[in-house]
Protein backbone atom coordinates (compact mmCIF):
# COMPACT_ATOMS: atom_id res chain seq x y z
CA MET A 1 -17.05 6.87 14.61
CA GLU A 2 -14.18 8.93 16.01
CA VAL A 3 -10.92 6.98 16.04
CA GLY A 4 -8.75 9.72 17.52
CA LYS A 5 -7.76 13.34 17.23
CA VAL A 6 -4.77 15.32 15.95
CA TYR A 7 -4.17 19.04 15.64
CA LYS A 8 -3.16 20.93 12.54
CA THR A 9 0.47 22.01 12.62
CA SER A 10 0.71 25.79 12.64
CA PRO A 11 3.14 27.59 10.29
CA SER A 12 5.36 28.63 13.21
CA ILE A 13 5.56 25.08 14.59
CA LEU A 14 6.27 23.73 11.11
CA ASP A 15 9.09 26.23 10.76
CA ASN A 16 10.60 25.13 14.09
CA ILE A 17 10.28 21.46 13.15
CA LEU A 18 12.11 22.08 9.88
CA LYS A 19 14.89 23.96 11.69
CA GLU A 20 15.29 21.04 14.11
CA SER A 21 15.35 18.63 11.18
CA VAL A 22 18.06 20.58 9.36
CA SER A 23 20.16 20.70 12.52
CA ALA A 24 19.69 16.98 13.28
CA GLN A 25 20.69 16.01 9.75
CA LYS A 26 24.27 17.16 10.31
CA LYS A 27 24.76 14.45 12.93
CA TRP A 28 22.62 11.78 11.24
CA ARG A 29 24.56 11.99 7.97
CA ARG A 30 27.85 11.42 9.81
CA LEU A 31 26.75 7.91 10.77
CA ARG A 32 27.93 5.20 8.41
CA VAL A 33 25.21 3.59 6.31
CA LYS A 34 25.78 0.37 8.24
CA GLU A 35 25.12 2.18 11.52
CA ARG A 36 21.88 3.67 10.20
CA ALA A 37 20.88 0.21 8.93
CA LEU A 38 21.42 -1.30 12.39
CA ILE A 39 19.04 1.26 13.87
CA LEU A 40 16.40 0.52 11.25
CA LYS A 41 16.74 -3.21 11.88
CA GLU A 42 15.55 -2.44 15.41
CA VAL A 43 12.69 -0.46 13.86
CA ARG A 44 11.67 -3.61 11.98
CA LYS A 45 11.58 -5.54 15.24
CA GLN A 46 9.37 -2.85 16.76
CA LEU A 47 7.10 -3.01 13.71
CA VAL A 48 6.61 -6.75 14.19
CA LYS A 49 6.10 -6.27 17.94
CA LYS A 50 3.43 -3.59 17.39
CA SER A 51 1.91 -5.22 14.31
CA ASP A 52 -1.47 -6.06 15.89
CA GLU A 53 -1.91 -2.48 17.10
CA LEU A 54 -0.92 -1.14 13.70
CA ILE A 55 -3.25 -3.49 11.81
CA SER A 56 -6.21 -2.45 13.98
CA LEU A 57 -5.41 1.24 13.60
CA ILE A 58 -5.07 1.07 9.81
CA SER A 59 -8.40 -0.76 9.53
CA GLU A 60 -10.11 1.73 11.85
CA GLU A 61 -8.89 4.74 9.88
CA THR A 62 -9.43 3.35 6.37
CA GLY A 63 -12.23 0.80 6.75
CA LYS A 64 -10.19 -1.92 5.07
CA PRO A 65 -10.27 -5.55 6.26
CA PHE A 66 -7.61 -6.79 8.66
CA TRP A 67 -6.12 -8.95 5.90
CA ASP A 68 -5.43 -5.90 3.72
CA SER A 69 -3.88 -4.13 6.71
CA PHE A 70 -1.77 -7.19 7.52
CA ILE A 71 -0.38 -7.22 3.97
CA GLU A 72 0.65 -3.59 4.46
CA VAL A 73 2.51 -4.45 7.66
CA MET A 74 4.19 -7.47 6.09
CA THR A 75 5.23 -5.45 3.04
CA ALA A 76 6.71 -2.76 5.28
CA ALA A 77 8.67 -5.39 7.23
CA GLU A 78 9.94 -6.94 3.99
CA HIS A 79 10.99 -3.51 2.77
CA LEU A 80 12.88 -2.77 5.97
CA LYS A 81 14.60 -6.15 5.85
CA TYR A 82 15.75 -5.77 2.24
CA MET A 83 16.85 -2.15 2.50
CA CYS A 84 18.80 -2.60 5.72
CA SER A 85 20.62 -5.58 4.22
CA HIS A 86 21.48 -3.94 0.90
CA ALA A 87 21.88 -0.23 1.64
CA PRO A 88 25.52 -0.46 2.85
CA LEU A 89 26.57 -1.98 -0.47
CA VAL A 90 24.26 0.07 -2.71
CA LEU A 91 25.45 3.35 -1.19
CA SER A 92 29.10 2.38 -0.96
CA GLN A 93 31.83 4.04 -2.99
CA GLU A 94 31.86 2.80 -6.60
CA LYS A 95 35.00 2.54 -8.69
CA ARG A 96 34.73 4.00 -12.20
CA SER A 97 37.03 3.62 -15.18
CA PRO A 98 39.45 6.55 -15.70
CA GLY A 99 39.52 5.88 -19.45
CA ILE A 100 42.75 7.17 -20.97
CA PHE A 101 43.75 8.68 -17.63
CA ILE A 102 45.38 5.50 -16.35
CA HIS A 103 47.30 7.52 -13.78
CA LYS A 104 44.05 8.71 -12.15
CA LYS A 105 41.80 7.09 -9.57
CA THR A 106 38.12 7.71 -10.36
CA TYR A 107 35.08 6.79 -8.30
CA ILE A 108 31.68 8.03 -7.19
CA ARG A 109 30.24 8.32 -3.72
CA TYR A 110 26.75 9.04 -2.43
CA PHE A 111 25.66 11.62 0.08
CA PRO A 112 22.21 12.74 1.28
CA HIS A 113 20.16 15.63 -0.03
CA GLY A 114 19.47 16.95 3.48
CA THR A 115 15.89 17.07 4.73
CA ALA A 116 13.26 15.06 2.85
CA GLY A 117 9.65 16.23 2.85
CA ILE A 118 7.41 13.19 2.40
CA ILE A 119 3.71 13.60 1.64
CA SER A 120 1.87 10.27 1.81
CA PRO A 121 -1.68 9.16 0.91
CA TRP A 122 -4.55 7.49 2.74
CA ASN A 123 -5.13 4.36 0.66
CA TYR A 124 -2.06 2.50 1.97
CA PRO A 125 -1.07 4.74 4.88
CA LEU A 126 1.68 2.45 6.18
CA ILE A 127 3.61 1.09 3.22
CA LEU A 128 3.31 4.18 1.00
CA THR A 129 4.77 6.09 3.95
CA ALA A 130 7.27 3.63 5.39
CA SER A 131 9.07 2.76 2.16
CA PRO A 132 10.18 6.31 1.24
CA VAL A 133 10.89 7.10 4.90
CA VAL A 134 13.20 4.06 5.16
CA GLU A 135 15.03 4.94 1.95
CA ALA A 136 15.41 8.58 2.94
CA LEU A 137 16.75 7.73 6.41
CA LEU A 138 19.17 5.06 5.21
CA SER A 139 20.52 7.53 2.66
CA GLY A 140 21.34 9.95 5.50
CA ASN A 141 18.44 12.38 5.18
CA THR A 142 16.20 13.55 7.97
CA VAL A 143 12.46 13.26 7.31
CA VAL A 144 9.49 15.52 7.86
CA LEU A 145 6.33 13.55 7.05
CA LYS A 146 2.89 14.91 6.27
CA PRO A 147 0.48 11.95 6.23
CA SER A 148 -2.95 12.24 4.67
CA GLU A 149 -5.46 14.19 6.74
CA LEU A 150 -7.66 11.06 6.47
CA THR A 151 -5.10 8.77 8.16
CA PRO A 152 -3.10 10.99 10.54
CA LEU A 153 -3.06 8.49 13.42
CA THR A 154 -1.27 5.89 11.31
CA GLY A 155 1.33 8.55 10.51
CA ASN A 156 1.84 9.20 14.22
CA LYS A 157 2.05 5.47 14.95
CA ILE A 158 4.70 4.98 12.26
CA ARG A 159 6.86 7.71 13.82
CA GLN A 160 6.38 6.21 17.29
CA ILE A 161 7.61 2.83 16.04
CA PHE A 162 10.66 4.41 14.39
CA ILE A 163 11.51 6.39 17.53
CA GLU A 164 11.13 3.33 19.76
CA GLY A 165 13.43 1.49 17.36
CA GLY A 166 16.17 4.05 17.96
CA VAL A 167 15.72 6.77 15.34
CA PRO A 168 16.36 10.15 17.04
CA LYS A 169 13.21 12.25 17.50
CA ASP A 170 14.48 15.20 15.48
CA VAL A 171 15.54 12.92 12.61
CA PHE A 172 11.96 11.79 11.85
CA GLN A 173 9.12 14.21 12.54
CA VAL A 174 5.44 14.38 11.58
CA VAL A 175 3.29 17.39 10.75
CA HIS A 176 -0.47 17.44 10.19
CA GLY A 177 -2.78 19.47 8.03
CA PHE A 178 -4.36 19.80 4.63
CA GLY A 179 -3.08 20.95 1.26
CA ASP A 180 -1.64 24.18 2.64
CA THR A 181 0.60 22.24 5.06
CA GLY A 182 1.89 20.09 2.22
CA ALA A 183 2.48 23.19 0.11
CA ALA A 184 4.46 24.80 2.94
CA LEU A 185 6.64 21.68 3.13
CA VAL A 186 7.25 21.80 -0.63
CA ASP A 187 7.95 25.53 -0.76
CA SER A 188 10.21 25.69 2.29
CA PRO A 189 13.89 26.35 1.57
CA MET A 190 14.64 23.94 4.42
CA THR A 191 13.42 20.84 2.53
CA ASP A 192 15.91 19.53 -0.02
CA ILE A 193 13.86 16.82 -1.74
CA ILE A 194 10.12 16.08 -1.92
CA CYS A 195 8.48 12.67 -2.24
CA PHE A 196 4.75 12.81 -3.00
CA THR A 197 2.19 10.07 -3.60
CA GLY A 198 -1.23 11.22 -4.73
CA SER A 199 -3.24 12.68 -7.58
CA VAL A 200 -1.96 13.87 -10.94
CA LYS A 201 -3.50 17.30 -10.30
CA VAL A 202 -1.57 17.89 -7.08
CA GLY A 203 1.53 16.23 -8.51
CA ARG A 204 1.66 18.77 -11.32
CA ILE A 205 1.47 21.62 -8.80
CA ILE A 206 4.29 20.11 -6.72
CA ALA A 207 6.41 19.50 -9.82
CA GLU A 208 5.96 23.14 -10.84
CA SER A 209 6.84 24.41 -7.36
CA CYS A 210 9.91 22.17 -7.12
CA GLY A 211 10.94 23.19 -10.62
CA LYS A 212 10.96 26.87 -9.68
CA LEU A 213 13.14 26.05 -6.66
CA LEU A 214 15.31 23.56 -8.60
CA LYS A 215 14.38 21.07 -5.88
CA PRO A 216 14.33 17.37 -6.83
CA SER A 217 11.05 15.51 -6.45
CA ILE A 218 9.80 11.93 -6.61
CA LEU A 219 6.18 11.76 -7.75
CA GLU A 220 3.93 8.68 -7.76
CA LEU A 221 0.69 9.86 -9.30
CA GLY A 222 -1.54 6.86 -9.83
CA GLY A 223 -2.48 4.65 -12.71
CA CYS A 224 -5.17 3.18 -14.92
CA ASP A 225 -3.64 -0.24 -15.20
CA PRO A 226 -4.38 -2.71 -18.01
CA MET A 227 -4.49 -6.50 -17.80
CA ILE A 228 -4.13 -8.50 -21.01
CA VAL A 229 -5.57 -12.02 -21.09
CA LEU A 230 -4.37 -13.98 -24.12
CA GLU A 231 -6.31 -16.94 -25.51
CA ASP A 232 -3.96 -19.53 -24.01
CA ALA A 233 -4.07 -18.01 -20.51
CA ASP A 234 -4.74 -20.14 -17.45
CA LEU A 235 -8.32 -18.99 -16.86
CA ALA A 236 -8.46 -19.99 -13.20
CA ARG A 237 -5.33 -18.00 -12.39
CA SER A 238 -6.17 -14.99 -14.57
CA VAL A 239 -9.69 -14.72 -13.12
CA SER A 240 -8.38 -14.92 -9.55
CA ALA A 241 -5.75 -12.32 -10.39
CA ALA A 242 -8.38 -9.99 -11.85
CA VAL A 243 -10.56 -10.27 -8.75
CA TRP A 244 -7.65 -9.62 -6.39
CA GLY A 245 -6.09 -6.92 -8.56
CA GLY A 246 -9.35 -5.11 -9.21
CA PHE A 247 -11.21 -5.33 -5.92
CA SER A 248 -8.73 -5.63 -3.03
CA ASN A 249 -8.85 -2.50 -0.88
CA CYS A 250 -12.16 -1.79 -2.67
CA GLY A 251 -10.21 -0.84 -5.80
CA GLN A 252 -8.50 2.07 -4.04
CA THR A 253 -5.05 1.06 -5.23
CA CYS A 254 -2.78 2.94 -7.62
CA ILE A 255 -1.87 -0.36 -9.33
CA SER A 256 -5.42 -1.70 -9.28
CA VAL A 257 -6.59 -3.57 -12.40
CA GLU A 258 -9.01 -1.15 -14.04
CA LYS A 259 -9.05 -2.34 -17.66
CA ILE A 260 -9.01 -5.93 -18.92
CA TYR A 261 -8.36 -6.72 -22.58
CA VAL A 262 -9.37 -10.32 -23.16
CA MET A 263 -9.26 -12.31 -26.38
CA ASP A 264 -12.74 -12.61 -27.87
CA SER A 265 -12.48 -16.40 -28.17
CA ILE A 266 -12.33 -16.83 -24.38
CA ALA A 267 -14.18 -13.68 -23.27
CA ASP A 268 -17.55 -15.29 -22.47
CA LEU A 269 -16.00 -17.97 -20.28
CA PHE A 270 -13.65 -15.46 -18.62
CA ILE A 271 -16.50 -13.07 -17.77
CA GLU A 272 -18.73 -15.87 -16.47
CA ARG A 273 -16.01 -17.15 -14.14
CA LEU A 274 -15.13 -13.61 -13.07
CA LYS A 275 -18.75 -12.88 -12.10
CA LYS A 276 -19.01 -16.13 -10.17
CA GLN A 277 -15.87 -15.45 -8.15
CA VAL A 278 -16.78 -11.83 -7.44
CA LEU A 279 -20.21 -12.88 -6.16
CA SER A 280 -18.49 -15.16 -3.62
CA LEU A 281 -16.74 -12.21 -1.96
CA THR A 282 -17.91 -10.83 1.38
CA GLN A 283 -18.21 -7.06 1.70
CA SER A 284 -18.89 -5.71 5.18
CA ASP A 285 -17.68 -3.41 7.93
CA ASN A 286 -16.43 -6.39 9.97
CA PRO A 287 -12.68 -6.21 9.34
CA GLU A 288 -12.09 -9.76 10.59
CA ARG A 289 -14.47 -11.43 8.13
CA ALA A 290 -14.71 -9.11 5.14
CA ASP A 291 -12.93 -9.71 1.86
CA ILE A 292 -13.69 -6.14 0.84
CA GLY A 293 -14.41 -3.11 2.99
CA GLY A 294 -15.87 0.23 1.96
CA MET A 295 -14.63 3.39 0.33
CA ILE A 296 -12.57 5.73 2.49
CA ASN A 297 -15.44 8.24 2.74
CA GLN A 298 -18.61 9.48 1.05
CA ASN A 299 -16.70 11.88 -1.20
CA GLN A 300 -14.72 9.02 -2.73
CA LYS A 301 -17.87 6.93 -3.09
CA GLN A 302 -19.65 9.83 -4.78
CA ALA A 303 -16.82 10.25 -7.29
CA VAL A 304 -17.03 6.60 -8.36
CA LYS A 305 -20.84 6.68 -8.27
CA SER A 306 -20.83 9.66 -10.63
CA PHE A 307 -18.58 7.75 -13.01
CA LEU A 308 -20.96 4.77 -12.98
CA ASN A 309 -24.01 6.97 -13.59
CA GLU A 310 -22.31 8.68 -16.53
CA THR A 311 -21.19 5.35 -17.96
CA ARG A 312 -24.59 3.88 -18.84
CA GLY A 313 -25.25 4.06 -22.57
CA GLU A 314 -24.93 2.39 -25.96
CA GLY A 315 -22.26 -0.28 -26.25
CA ILE A 316 -21.97 -0.71 -22.48
CA THR A 317 -23.02 -3.80 -20.52
CA PHE A 318 -23.11 -3.95 -16.72
CA HIS A 319 -22.40 -7.57 -15.75
CA LEU A 320 -22.46 -6.83 -12.02
CA ASP A 321 -24.27 -3.76 -10.79
CA ASP A 322 -25.99 -3.57 -7.39
CA LYS A 323 -27.84 -0.24 -7.62
CA LYS A 324 -29.35 -0.63 -4.15
CA ILE A 325 -25.95 -0.58 -2.43
CA ILE A 326 -24.64 2.08 -4.80
CA GLU A 327 -27.44 4.44 -3.77
CA ASP A 328 -27.49 3.82 0.01
CA SER A 329 -25.89 6.13 2.58
CA SER A 330 -23.02 3.83 3.56
CA CYS A 331 -19.47 4.00 2.21
CA PHE A 332 -19.90 0.65 0.51
CA LEU A 333 -19.64 0.26 -3.24
CA PRO A 334 -20.13 -3.26 -4.62
CA PRO A 335 -17.69 -4.76 -7.11
CA THR A 336 -18.86 -3.70 -10.56
CA ILE A 337 -17.94 -5.31 -13.89
CA ILE A 338 -18.55 -3.32 -17.07
CA GLU A 339 -18.05 -4.49 -20.64
CA ILE A 340 -17.67 -2.00 -23.47
CA ASP A 341 -17.67 -2.66 -27.20
CA SER A 342 -16.53 -0.73 -30.27
CA SER A 343 -19.75 1.30 -30.44
CA SER A 344 -19.18 2.81 -27.00
CA SER A 345 -17.82 6.33 -26.63
CA LEU A 346 -16.83 5.74 -22.99
CA SER A 347 -13.42 7.17 -22.17
CA THR A 348 -11.16 4.79 -20.25
CA GLN A 349 -8.45 7.41 -19.75
CA SER A 350 -9.24 8.43 -16.18
CA GLU A 351 -8.31 6.63 -12.98
CA ILE A 352 -11.49 5.28 -11.36
CA PHE A 353 -10.01 4.42 -7.95
CA GLY A 354 -12.90 2.21 -6.92
CA PRO A 355 -14.19 -1.37 -7.24
CA VAL A 356 -14.82 -1.18 -10.98
CA ILE A 357 -13.32 -3.26 -13.79
CA ILE A 358 -13.88 -2.39 -17.46
CA ILE A 359 -13.61 -5.31 -19.90
CA THR A 360 -12.98 -5.01 -23.63
CA ARG A 361 -12.88 -7.90 -26.10
CA VAL A 362 -9.96 -7.86 -28.54
CA GLN A 363 -9.18 -9.85 -31.66
CA SER A 364 -5.37 -9.89 -31.58
CA GLU A 365 -2.28 -9.31 -29.49
CA LYS A 366 -1.61 -6.11 -31.40
CA GLU A 367 -5.06 -4.74 -30.61
CA ALA A 368 -4.60 -5.59 -26.94
CA ILE A 369 -1.21 -3.87 -26.82
CA ASP A 370 -2.48 -0.80 -28.69
CA LYS A 371 -5.45 -0.42 -26.34
CA ALA A 372 -3.29 -1.01 -23.25
CA ASN A 373 -0.98 1.79 -24.39
CA ASP A 374 -3.82 4.16 -25.32
CA THR A 375 -3.54 6.12 -22.08
CA GLU A 376 -1.58 8.95 -20.52
CA PHE A 377 -0.89 6.72 -17.51
CA GLY A 378 1.88 4.15 -17.31
CA LEU A 379 2.27 2.79 -13.80
CA SER A 380 1.79 -0.96 -14.00
CA ALA A 381 0.33 -3.68 -16.23
CA SER A 382 -0.05 -7.45 -16.43
CA VAL A 383 -0.07 -10.12 -19.13
CA PHE A 384 -1.48 -13.64 -18.83
CA SER A 385 -0.46 -16.50 -21.11
CA LYS A 386 0.81 -20.06 -20.66
CA ASN A 387 3.39 -19.31 -23.35
CA ARG A 388 6.02 -17.39 -21.37
CA ARG A 389 7.93 -16.30 -24.46
CA LYS A 390 4.76 -14.80 -25.93
CA ALA A 391 3.86 -13.15 -22.62
CA ARG A 392 7.32 -11.59 -22.35
CA ARG A 393 7.09 -10.32 -25.92
CA VAL A 394 3.74 -8.65 -25.23
CA ALA A 395 4.91 -7.29 -21.87
CA GLY A 396 7.94 -5.73 -23.53
CA GLN A 397 5.67 -3.62 -25.73
CA ILE A 398 3.60 -2.14 -22.91
CA ARG A 399 4.43 1.39 -21.83
CA ALA A 400 4.52 1.09 -18.04
CA GLY A 401 6.92 1.40 -15.14
CA SER A 402 6.38 -2.25 -14.22
CA VAL A 403 4.76 -5.32 -15.78
CA CYS A 404 3.70 -8.58 -14.13
CA ILE A 405 3.59 -11.79 -16.17
CA ASN A 406 0.99 -14.30 -14.98
CA ASP A 407 0.90 -12.34 -11.74
CA ILE A 408 -0.65 -9.23 -10.28
CA ASN A 409 0.78 -6.51 -8.02
CA SER A 410 3.49 -8.77 -6.55
CA ASN A 411 6.09 -6.41 -7.98
CA TYR A 412 5.28 -3.89 -5.24
CA ILE A 413 6.04 -6.37 -2.47
CA CYS A 414 9.38 -7.28 -4.09
CA ALA A 415 11.49 -4.65 -2.34
CA SER A 416 14.38 -5.15 -4.77
CA LEU A 417 12.31 -3.89 -7.72
CA PRO A 418 12.05 -0.16 -8.40
CA PHE A 419 8.54 1.27 -8.35
CA GLY A 420 7.30 4.24 -10.33
CA GLY A 421 5.59 5.18 -13.55
CA VAL A 422 5.92 6.84 -16.91
CA GLY A 423 3.72 9.51 -18.44
CA VAL A 424 1.36 11.16 -15.96
CA SER A 425 1.93 8.27 -13.53
CA GLY A 426 4.91 10.13 -12.17
CA ILE A 427 8.60 10.87 -12.06
CA GLY A 428 11.37 8.99 -10.29
CA ARG A 429 11.48 5.69 -8.45
CA VAL A 430 11.22 4.32 -4.93
CA HIS A 431 12.20 0.81 -3.77
CA GLY A 432 15.23 -1.20 -4.76
CA PRO A 433 18.70 0.29 -5.21
CA GLU A 434 17.06 2.97 -7.36
CA GLY A 435 15.01 4.17 -4.39
CA LEU A 436 18.05 4.56 -2.16
CA LYS A 437 19.88 6.44 -4.90
CA ALA A 438 16.86 8.67 -5.55
CA PHE A 439 17.25 10.01 -2.01
CA SER A 440 21.00 10.51 -2.54
CA GLN A 441 23.21 12.88 -4.46
CA VAL A 442 26.15 11.58 -6.45
CA GLN A 443 29.62 13.05 -6.15
CA ALA A 444 32.17 12.20 -8.82
CA VAL A 445 35.80 12.10 -7.66
CA CYS A 446 38.90 12.17 -9.85
CA GLU A 447 42.11 11.72 -7.86
CA ASP A 448 45.68 12.06 -9.16
CA ARG A 449 47.97 9.19 -8.21
CA LEU A 450 51.40 10.25 -9.58
CA GLY A 451 51.98 13.65 -7.99
CA LEU A 452 53.65 15.21 -11.04
CA LYS A 453 54.45 18.92 -11.01
CA LYS A 454 51.87 19.44 -13.74
CA GLU A 455 49.83 17.61 -16.38
CA LEU A 456 51.08 17.70 -19.97
CA TRP A 457 48.07 19.74 -21.15
CA TRP A 458 48.40 22.41 -18.50
CA PHE A 459 49.95 25.76 -19.36
CA PRO A 460 52.53 26.22 -20.74
CA ILE A 461 51.98 23.57 -23.45
CA ALA A 462 55.06 22.74 -25.52
CA ASP A 463 54.76 22.33 -29.31
CA VAL A 464 56.17 18.81 -29.09
CA THR A 465 53.41 17.94 -26.61
CA LYS A 466 50.73 19.19 -29.01
CA LYS A 467 52.18 17.07 -31.84
CA TRP A 468 52.33 14.02 -29.61
CA PHE A 469 48.70 14.43 -28.57
CA LYS A 470 47.55 14.72 -32.19
CA ARG A 471 49.37 11.50 -33.10
CA PHE A 472 47.95 9.75 -30.07
CA PHE A 473 44.45 10.98 -30.96
CA LYS A 474 44.58 9.44 -34.46
CA PHE A 475 46.10 6.19 -33.19
CA TRP A 476 43.73 5.73 -30.25
CA TYR A 477 40.41 6.83 -31.75
CA GLY A 478 40.92 6.42 -35.49
């Protein structure tokens, strides 16, 4: 079904758009942060006003249920609300200690990079676009966005909402295309910072290109997120969290639960309850009634299908596995639960990005932590236990950019919390004060307050001054 049509941005048009963006940034940066925030508050109102249109469009382009699309819209509104309220303070001038220079005034101030090139993905085409766009604009940058070629209409709709909210047309622009368009955005001398959300493979290429140009980049490159269920966990809550975390958006989420490490003593009961709850879910192409939709396209389904076909072997148990749906011509993939034991050689290092959860029984907290950390990824994780002190202790030993305790994925909706990973999950942070500062440069200022003819250590330096400094050095630091 055709939802709409866009045209690939030609190199010459892209060049003109970038020139317009560079020119517009000179005026946009002169606005006070508070003035930019007032404009984006109007954008939030437009977002709410157009929310039904946006929800329908997201579901049409991605195949996700309306509920998933609504959560995207709500998260974007929450992000706008938080950032507009806090940006004026976060980006305000900060006083710093002058140390021994008590006659100096020292402070830092923030200023924009210039033009931000933002390359966003298809799995959450609104929030994974809107959040960096908001942070870039509030920080005084102009934005040139390249949305995924699979969700270009959502990208256009986002820009329309921002323009109707009062953002000048040249300040936020959209270009369309494939990998070559994104590469042109990265390589252009007219972009000053790049924010990319996508695969590790493409992220490495962008990091290399930006490195050669000494251009800063923010990279969110996915995850293979672990969930640890300790023996005293609330089973009802942990099972519900696993179902939501593993199968919402058909598992096409960078912070999706992909691996569960559950204590052996409760594993049978946990798996039984998990299967029962998963079987109660509705998967269909009716966005109003479905709990789970389909994969974005046949290519993505084929990638997960190949993983499932390669997975069957010794030490592997499929607890839920509907081969009929897996093999049909639709984009549907049913929720699949796999259990592996110590005899299995299955690698759990790769990101599946589909409705698949892999369960492993563990005998101790240490084993759970070791297995959770046995990955190159480090985006997010979760720990479930009724003993909060124990849960915090375990969470503190997990190598990840964020950890939820007795919760799942709520950290992303909390706009005050920074979001990003370690290892191959990426570089840099969006959201929170850290996100605003990531799109800003820092200028350190040291200002003299006395107006003396010269400082004591400037030429010429008298012998008595040298002696005094040596005595002061021993007294002050000794």
